[in-house]
Amino acid sequence: MTAYEGFHGETMVLQMVPTDFNRYGFDLQFRMSDRDSAREVALGKIGIVFINRTDRKVSPIPSGFMAKVEAL
C-alpha cells in the first residue's frame, strides 16, 4: 500500500474496483483522495477469497455475486 498524508478537516473520496478475478475470488483495489484537490492520499489492494460456511474451505465465487458485479 502506498500512503501519503491526509489532514484533519479534509473530506476523502474512496474509489474501489474489483480486479483480477479467478475461480475463488478477486482483488479489490482502492484509491483515497482529497475531495477538493483530488490529491491522492492512499492506494491499496485487498485479496478477497470466498469460503464455504459449512466446511470452511475455499469455494468458487457464487454465481449471484458475479451477476451483480457484471451488472455494474
PDB file of N, CA and C in Angstrom:
ATOM      1  N   MET A   1       0.843  -1.176   0.000  1.00  0.00           N
ATOM      2  CA  MET A   1       0.000   0.000   0.000  1.00  0.00           C
ATOM      3  C   MET A   1       0.883   1.232   0.000  1.00  0.00           C
ATOM      4  N   THR A   2       0.500   2.199  -0.804  1.00  0.00           N
ATOM      5  CA  THR A   2       1.183   3.486  -0.835  1.00  0.00           C
ATOM      6  C   THR A   2       0.374   4.449   0.010  1.00  0.00           C
ATOM      7  N   ALA A   3       1.033   5.199   0.867  1.00  0.00           N
ATOM      8  CA  ALA A   3       0.305   6.143   1.723  1.00  0.00           C
ATOM      9  C   ALA A   3       0.953   7.512   1.645  1.00  0.00           C
ATOM     10  N   TYR A   4       0.136   8.508   1.621  1.00  0.00           N
ATOM     11  CA  TYR A   4       0.558   9.892   1.636  1.00  0.00           C
ATOM     12  C   TYR A   4      -0.118  10.534   2.841  1.00  0.00           C
ATOM     13  N   GLU A   5       0.015  11.824   2.965  1.00  0.00           N
ATOM     14  CA  GLU A   5      -0.501  12.487   4.151  1.00  0.00           C
ATOM     15  C   GLU A   5      -1.908  13.040   3.922  1.00  0.00           C
ATOM     16  N   GLY A   6      -2.794  12.761   4.861  1.00  0.00           N
ATOM     17  CA  GLY A   6      -4.116  13.359   4.895  1.00  0.00           C
ATOM     18  C   GLY A   6      -4.180  14.272   6.109  1.00  0.00           C
ATOM     19  N   PHE A   7      -5.044  15.252   6.071  1.00  0.00           N
ATOM     20  CA  PHE A   7      -5.094  16.241   7.141  1.00  0.00           C
ATOM     21  C   PHE A   7      -6.498  16.358   7.733  1.00  0.00           C
ATOM     22  N   HIS A   8      -6.549  16.686   9.025  1.00  0.00           N
ATOM     23  CA  HIS A   8      -7.811  16.884   9.718  1.00  0.00           C
ATOM     24  C   HIS A   8      -8.652  17.916   8.958  1.00  0.00           C
ATOM     25  N   GLY A   9      -9.906  17.613   8.794  1.00  0.00           N
ATOM     26  CA  GLY A   9     -10.825  18.529   8.124  1.00  0.00           C
ATOM     27  C   GLY A   9     -11.000  18.258   6.642  1.00  0.00           C
ATOM     28  N   GLU A  10     -10.125  17.452   6.050  1.00  0.00           N
ATOM     29  CA  GLU A  10     -10.283  17.130   4.639  1.00  0.00           C
ATOM     30  C   GLU A  10     -11.394  16.085   4.480  1.00  0.00           C
ATOM     31  N   THR A  11     -12.097  16.172   3.397  1.00  0.00           N
ATOM     32  CA  THR A  11     -13.105  15.170   3.070  1.00  0.00           C
ATOM     33  C   THR A  11     -12.507  14.239   2.033  1.00  0.00           C
ATOM     34  N   MET A  12     -12.492  12.955   2.361  1.00  0.00           N
ATOM     35  CA  MET A  12     -11.870  11.975   1.485  1.00  0.00           C
ATOM     36  C   MET A  12     -12.897  11.299   0.580  1.00  0.00           C
ATOM     37  N   VAL A  13     -12.459  11.009  -0.625  1.00  0.00           N
ATOM     38  CA  VAL A  13     -13.251  10.254  -1.591  1.00  0.00           C
ATOM     39  C   VAL A  13     -12.581   8.891  -1.735  1.00  0.00           C
ATOM     40  N   LEU A  14     -13.353   7.823  -1.584  1.00  0.00           N
ATOM     41  CA  LEU A  14     -12.826   6.471  -1.695  1.00  0.00           C
ATOM     42  C   LEU A  14     -13.415   5.814  -2.933  1.00  0.00           C
ATOM     43  N   GLN A  15     -12.529   5.349  -3.805  1.00  0.00           N
ATOM     44  CA  GLN A  15     -12.951   4.646  -5.016  1.00  0.00           C
ATOM     45  C   GLN A  15     -12.457   3.206  -4.903  1.00  0.00           C
ATOM     46  N   MET A  16     -13.325   2.246  -5.240  1.00  0.00           N
ATOM     47  CA  MET A  16     -12.943   0.840  -5.195  1.00  0.00           C
ATOM     48  C   MET A  16     -13.402   0.149  -6.468  1.00  0.00           C
ATOM     49  N   VAL A  17     -12.571  -0.780  -6.939  1.00  0.00           N
ATOM     50  CA  VAL A  17     -12.924  -1.539  -8.136  1.00  0.00           C
ATOM     51  C   VAL A  17     -12.408  -2.973  -7.978  1.00  0.00           C
ATOM     52  N   PRO A  18     -13.261  -3.968  -8.301  1.00  0.00           N
ATOM     53  CA  PRO A  18     -12.802  -5.360  -8.254  1.00  0.00           C
ATOM     54  C   PRO A  18     -11.986  -5.673  -9.517  1.00  0.00           C
ATOM     55  N   THR A  19     -10.848  -6.367  -9.345  1.00  0.00           N
ATOM     56  CA  THR A  19      -9.974  -6.707 -10.476  1.00  0.00           C
ATOM     57  C   THR A  19      -9.442  -8.126 -10.307  1.00  0.00           C
ATOM     58  N   ASP A  20      -8.787  -8.614 -11.329  1.00  0.00           N
ATOM     59  CA  ASP A  20      -8.062  -9.883 -11.295  1.00  0.00           C
ATOM     60  C   ASP A  20      -8.895 -11.045 -10.740  1.00  0.00           C
ATOM     61  N   PHE A  21     -10.068 -11.237 -11.320  1.00  0.00           N
ATOM     62  CA  PHE A  21     -10.931 -12.342 -10.892  1.00  0.00           C
ATOM     63  C   PHE A  21     -10.293 -13.690 -11.218  1.00  0.00           C
ATOM     64  N   ASN A  22     -10.489 -14.644 -10.329  1.00  0.00           N
ATOM     65  CA  ASN A  22     -10.118 -16.028 -10.590  1.00  0.00           C
ATOM     66  C   ASN A  22     -11.286 -16.891 -10.116  1.00  0.00           C
ATOM     67  N   ARG A  23     -11.126 -18.173 -10.116  1.00  0.00           N
ATOM     68  CA  ARG A  23     -12.245 -19.060  -9.758  1.00  0.00           C
ATOM     69  C   ARG A  23     -12.749 -18.841  -8.332  1.00  0.00           C
ATOM     70  N   TYR A  24     -11.859 -18.466  -7.412  1.00  0.00           N
ATOM     71  CA  TYR A  24     -12.198 -18.412  -5.997  1.00  0.00           C
ATOM     72  C   TYR A  24     -12.283 -17.014  -5.402  1.00  0.00           C
ATOM     73  N   GLY A  25     -11.965 -15.991  -6.163  1.00  0.00           N
ATOM     74  CA  GLY A  25     -12.002 -14.649  -5.598  1.00  0.00           C
ATOM     75  C   GLY A  25     -11.493 -13.598  -6.550  1.00  0.00           C
ATOM     76  N   PHE A  26     -11.064 -12.488  -5.986  1.00  0.00           N
ATOM     77  CA  PHE A  26     -10.627 -11.342  -6.786  1.00  0.00           C
ATOM     78  C   PHE A  26      -9.850 -10.385  -5.891  1.00  0.00           C
ATOM     79  N   ASP A  27      -9.251  -9.382  -6.506  1.00  0.00           N
ATOM     80  CA  ASP A  27      -8.608  -8.302  -5.758  1.00  0.00           C
ATOM     81  C   ASP A  27      -9.549  -7.110  -5.732  1.00  0.00           C
ATOM     82  N   LEU A  28      -9.562  -6.399  -4.643  1.00  0.00           N
ATOM     83  CA  LEU A  28     -10.333  -5.171  -4.519  1.00  0.00           C
ATOM     84  C   LEU A  28      -9.322  -4.039  -4.394  1.00  0.00           C
ATOM     85  N   GLN A  29      -9.175  -3.259  -5.465  1.00  0.00           N
ATOM     86  CA  GLN A  29      -8.230  -2.145  -5.461  1.00  0.00           C
ATOM     87  C   GLN A  29      -8.957  -0.881  -5.026  1.00  0.00           C
ATOM     88  N   PHE A  30      -8.248  -0.052  -4.251  1.00  0.00           N
ATOM     89  CA  PHE A  30      -8.875   1.187  -3.811  1.00  0.00           C
ATOM     90  C   PHE A  30      -7.919   2.365  -3.930  1.00  0.00           C
ATOM     91  N   ARG A  31      -8.523   3.538  -4.030  1.00  0.00           N
ATOM     92  CA  ARG A  31      -7.792   4.802  -4.103  1.00  0.00           C
ATOM     93  C   ARG A  31      -8.531   5.797  -3.216  1.00  0.00           C
ATOM     94  N   MET A  32      -7.800   6.492  -2.352  1.00  0.00           N
ATOM     95  CA  MET A  32      -8.382   7.524  -1.500  1.00  0.00           C
ATOM     96  C   MET A  32      -7.745   8.855  -1.889  1.00  0.00           C
ATOM     97  N   SER A  33      -8.595   9.871  -2.043  1.00  0.00           N
ATOM     98  CA  SER A  33      -8.087  11.188  -2.426  1.00  0.00           C
ATOM     99  C   SER A  33      -8.879  12.274  -1.717  1.00  0.00           C
ATOM    100  N   ASP A  34      -8.261  13.444  -1.635  1.00  0.00           N
ATOM    101  CA  ASP A  34      -8.927  14.605  -1.051  1.00  0.00           C
ATOM    102  C   ASP A  34      -9.980  15.107  -2.039  1.00  0.00           C
ATOM    103  N   ARG A  35     -11.177  15.333  -1.569  1.00  0.00           N
ATOM    104  CA  ARG A  35     -12.279  15.741  -2.445  1.00  0.00           C
ATOM    105  C   ARG A  35     -11.998  17.058  -3.170  1.00  0.00           C
ATOM    106  N   ASP A  36     -11.445  18.033  -2.478  1.00  0.00           N
ATOM    107  CA  ASP A  36     -11.290  19.367  -3.071  1.00  0.00           C
ATOM    108  C   ASP A  36     -10.119  19.468  -4.045  1.00  0.00           C
ATOM    109  N   SER A  37      -8.993  18.848  -3.719  1.00  0.00           N
ATOM    110  CA  SER A  37      -7.803  18.987  -4.574  1.00  0.00           C
ATOM    111  C   SER A  37      -7.549  17.768  -5.456  1.00  0.00           C
ATOM    112  N   ALA A  38      -8.235  16.677  -5.200  1.00  0.00           N
ATOM    113  CA  ALA A  38      -8.023  15.391  -5.886  1.00  0.00           C
ATOM    114  C   ALA A  38      -6.642  14.815  -5.591  1.00  0.00           C
ATOM    115  N   ARG A  39      -5.971  15.323  -4.571  1.00  0.00           N
ATOM    116  CA  ARG A  39      -4.652  14.832  -4.176  1.00  0.00           C
ATOM    117  C   ARG A  39      -4.789  13.414  -3.649  1.00  0.00           C
ATOM    118  N   GLU A  40      -3.974  12.521  -4.194  1.00  0.00           N
ATOM    119  CA  GLU A  40      -4.012  11.123  -3.787  1.00  0.00           C
ATOM    120  C   GLU A  40      -3.450  10.967  -2.375  1.00  0.00           C
ATOM    121  N   VAL A  41      -4.192  10.263  -1.530  1.00  0.00           N
ATOM    122  CA  VAL A  41      -3.775  10.055  -0.144  1.00  0.00           C
ATOM    123  C   VAL A  41      -3.369   8.596   0.089  1.00  0.00           C
ATOM    124  N   ALA A  42      -4.016   7.655  -0.584  1.00  0.00           N
ATOM    125  CA  ALA A  42      -3.669   6.248  -0.387  1.00  0.00           C
ATOM    126  C   ALA A  42      -4.090   5.414  -1.589  1.00  0.00           C
ATOM    127  N   LEU A  43      -3.299   4.382  -1.847  1.00  0.00           N
ATOM    128  CA  LEU A  43      -3.615   3.359  -2.839  1.00  0.00           C
ATOM    129  C   LEU A  43      -3.457   2.015  -2.156  1.00  0.00           C
ATOM    130  N   GLY A  44      -4.282   1.062  -2.512  1.00  0.00           N
ATOM    131  CA  GLY A  44      -4.123  -0.245  -1.900  1.00  0.00           C
ATOM    132  C   GLY A  44      -4.877  -1.324  -2.643  1.00  0.00           C
ATOM    133  N   LYS A  45      -4.660  -2.550  -2.195  1.00  0.00           N
ATOM    134  CA  LYS A  45      -5.310  -3.697  -2.804  1.00  0.00           C
ATOM    135  C   LYS A  45      -5.526  -4.744  -1.716  1.00  0.00           C
ATOM    136  N   ILE A  46      -6.714  -5.337  -1.717  1.00  0.00           N
ATOM    137  CA  ILE A  46      -7.072  -6.371  -0.755  1.00  0.00           C
ATOM    138  C   ILE A  46      -7.501  -7.604  -1.544  1.00  0.00           C
ATOM    139  N   GLY A  47      -7.009  -8.765  -1.161  1.00  0.00           N
ATOM    140  CA  GLY A  47      -7.422 -10.010  -1.800  1.00  0.00           C
ATOM    141  C   GLY A  47      -8.660 -10.565  -1.117  1.00  0.00           C
ATOM    142  N   ILE A  48      -9.664 -10.899  -1.908  1.00  0.00           N
ATOM    143  CA  ILE A  48     -10.915 -11.463  -1.405  1.00  0.00           C
ATOM    144  C   ILE A  48     -11.010 -12.918  -1.872  1.00  0.00           C
ATOM    145  N   VAL A  49     -11.252 -13.836  -0.934  1.00  0.00           N
ATOM    146  CA  VAL A  49     -11.423 -15.253  -1.257  1.00  0.00           C
ATOM    147  C   VAL A  49     -12.726 -15.721  -0.623  1.00  0.00           C
ATOM    148  N   PHE A  50     -13.511 -16.464  -1.379  1.00  0.00           N
ATOM    149  CA  PHE A  50     -14.785 -16.973  -0.869  1.00  0.00           C
ATOM    150  C   PHE A  50     -14.562 -18.285  -0.132  1.00  0.00           C
ATOM    151  N   ILE A  51     -15.246 -18.427   0.997  1.00  0.00           N
ATOM    152  CA  ILE A  51     -15.121 -19.607   1.853  1.00  0.00           C
ATOM    153  C   ILE A  51     -16.514 -20.219   2.055  1.00  0.00           C
ATOM    154  N   ASN A  52     -16.610 -21.543   1.939  1.00  0.00           N
ATOM    155  CA  ASN A  52     -17.855 -22.254   2.208  1.00  0.00           C
ATOM    156  C   ASN A  52     -18.084 -22.248   3.720  1.00  0.00           C
ATOM    157  N   ARG A  53     -19.246 -21.811   4.143  1.00  0.00           N
ATOM    158  CA  ARG A  53     -19.527 -21.714   5.588  1.00  0.00           C
ATOM    159  C   ARG A  53     -19.606 -23.069   6.281  1.00  0.00           C
ATOM    160  N   THR A  54     -20.004 -24.087   5.553  1.00  0.00           N
ATOM    161  CA  THR A  54     -20.176 -25.408   6.160  1.00  0.00           C
ATOM    162  C   THR A  54     -18.843 -26.089   6.441  1.00  0.00           C
ATOM    163  N   ASP A  55     -18.013 -26.225   5.394  1.00  0.00           N
ATOM    164  CA  ASP A  55     -16.748 -26.941   5.586  1.00  0.00           C
ATOM    165  C   ASP A  55     -15.540 -26.017   5.755  1.00  0.00           C
ATOM    166  N   ARG A  56     -15.786 -24.701   5.679  1.00  0.00           N
ATOM    167  CA  ARG A  56     -14.752 -23.683   5.890  1.00  0.00           C
ATOM    168  C   ARG A  56     -13.565 -23.856   4.948  1.00  0.00           C
ATOM    169  N   LYS A  57     -13.859 -24.257   3.700  1.00  0.00           N
ATOM    170  CA  LYS A  57     -12.831 -24.402   2.671  1.00  0.00           C
ATOM    171  C   LYS A  57     -13.085 -23.393   1.558  1.00  0.00           C
ATOM    172  N   VAL A  58     -12.012 -23.098   0.820  1.00  0.00           N
ATOM    173  CA  VAL A  58     -12.125 -22.180  -0.307  1.00  0.00           C
ATOM    174  C   VAL A  58     -13.200 -22.687  -1.252  1.00  0.00           C
ATOM    175  N   SER A  59     -14.009 -21.745  -1.752  1.00  0.00           N
ATOM    176  CA  SER A  59     -15.163 -22.087  -2.571  1.00  0.00           C
ATOM    177  C   SER A  59     -15.215 -21.186  -3.801  1.00  0.00           C
ATOM    178  N   PRO A  60     -15.748 -21.677  -4.923  1.00  0.00           N
ATOM    179  CA  PRO A  60     -15.885 -20.831  -6.111  1.00  0.00           C
ATOM    180  C   PRO A  60     -16.752 -19.603  -5.830  1.00  0.00           C
ATOM    181  N   ILE A  61     -16.522 -18.558  -6.595  1.00  0.00           N
ATOM    182  CA  ILE A  61     -17.318 -17.334  -6.476  1.00  0.00           C
ATOM    183  C   ILE A  61     -18.776 -17.674  -6.779  1.00  0.00           C
ATOM    184  N   PRO A  62     -19.711 -17.293  -5.911  1.00  0.00           N
ATOM    185  CA  PRO A  62     -21.131 -17.568  -6.166  1.00  0.00           C
ATOM    186  C   PRO A  62     -21.619 -16.880  -7.440  1.00  0.00           C
ATOM    187  N   SER A  63     -22.419 -17.559  -8.215  1.00  0.00           N
ATOM    188  CA  SER A  63     -22.922 -17.013  -9.474  1.00  0.00           C
ATOM    189  C   SER A  63     -23.753 -15.751  -9.252  1.00  0.00           C
ATOM    190  N   GLY A  64     -24.510 -15.691  -8.161  1.00  0.00           N
ATOM    191  CA  GLY A  64     -25.301 -14.493  -7.863  1.00  0.00           C
ATOM    192  C   GLY A  64     -24.432 -13.276  -7.630  1.00  0.00           C
ATOM    193  N   PHE A  65     -23.291 -13.462  -6.983  1.00  0.00           N
ATOM    194  CA  PHE A  65     -22.352 -12.365  -6.765  1.00  0.00           C
ATOM    195  C   PHE A  65     -21.790 -11.882  -8.102  1.00  0.00           C
ATOM    196  N   MET A  66     -21.374 -12.824  -8.949  1.00  0.00           N
ATOM    197  CA  MET A  66     -20.810 -12.447 -10.247  1.00  0.00           C
ATOM    198  C   MET A  66     -21.834 -11.718 -11.106  1.00  0.00           C
ATOM    199  N   ALA A  67     -23.081 -12.141 -11.034  1.00  0.00           N
ATOM    200  CA  ALA A  67     -24.140 -11.486 -11.828  1.00  0.00           C
ATOM    201  C   ALA A  67     -24.260 -10.021 -11.405  1.00  0.00           C
ATOM    202  N   LYS A  68     -24.180  -9.758 -10.107  1.00  0.00           N
ATOM    203  CA  LYS A  68     -24.284  -8.380  -9.627  1.00  0.00           C
ATOM    204  C   LYS A  68     -23.074  -7.540 -10.036  1.00  0.00           C
ATOM    205  N   VAL A  69     -21.888  -8.126  -9.985  1.00  0.00           N
ATOM    206  CA  VAL A  69     -20.678  -7.413 -10.400  1.00  0.00           C
ATOM    207  C   VAL A  69     -20.733  -7.104 -11.900  1.00  0.00           C
ATOM    208  N   GLU A  70     -21.144  -8.075 -12.693  1.00  0.00           N
ATOM    209  CA  GLU A  70     -21.213  -7.877 -14.137  1.00  0.00           C
ATOM    210  C   GLU A  70     -22.265  -6.856 -14.530  1.00  0.00           C
ATOM    211  N   ALA A  71     -23.279  -6.659 -13.688  1.00  0.00           N
ATOM    212  CA  ALA A  71     -24.337  -5.688 -13.971  1.00  0.00           C
ATOM    213  C   ALA A  71     -23.896  -4.243 -13.725  1.00  0.00           C
ATOM    214  N   LEU A  72     -22.763  -4.065 -13.030  1.00  0.00           N
ATOM    215  CA  LEU A  72     -22.293  -2.709 -12.743  1.00  0.00           C
ATOM    216  C   LEU A  72     -21.832  -2.031 -13.961  1.00  0.00           C
TER     217      LEU A  72
END
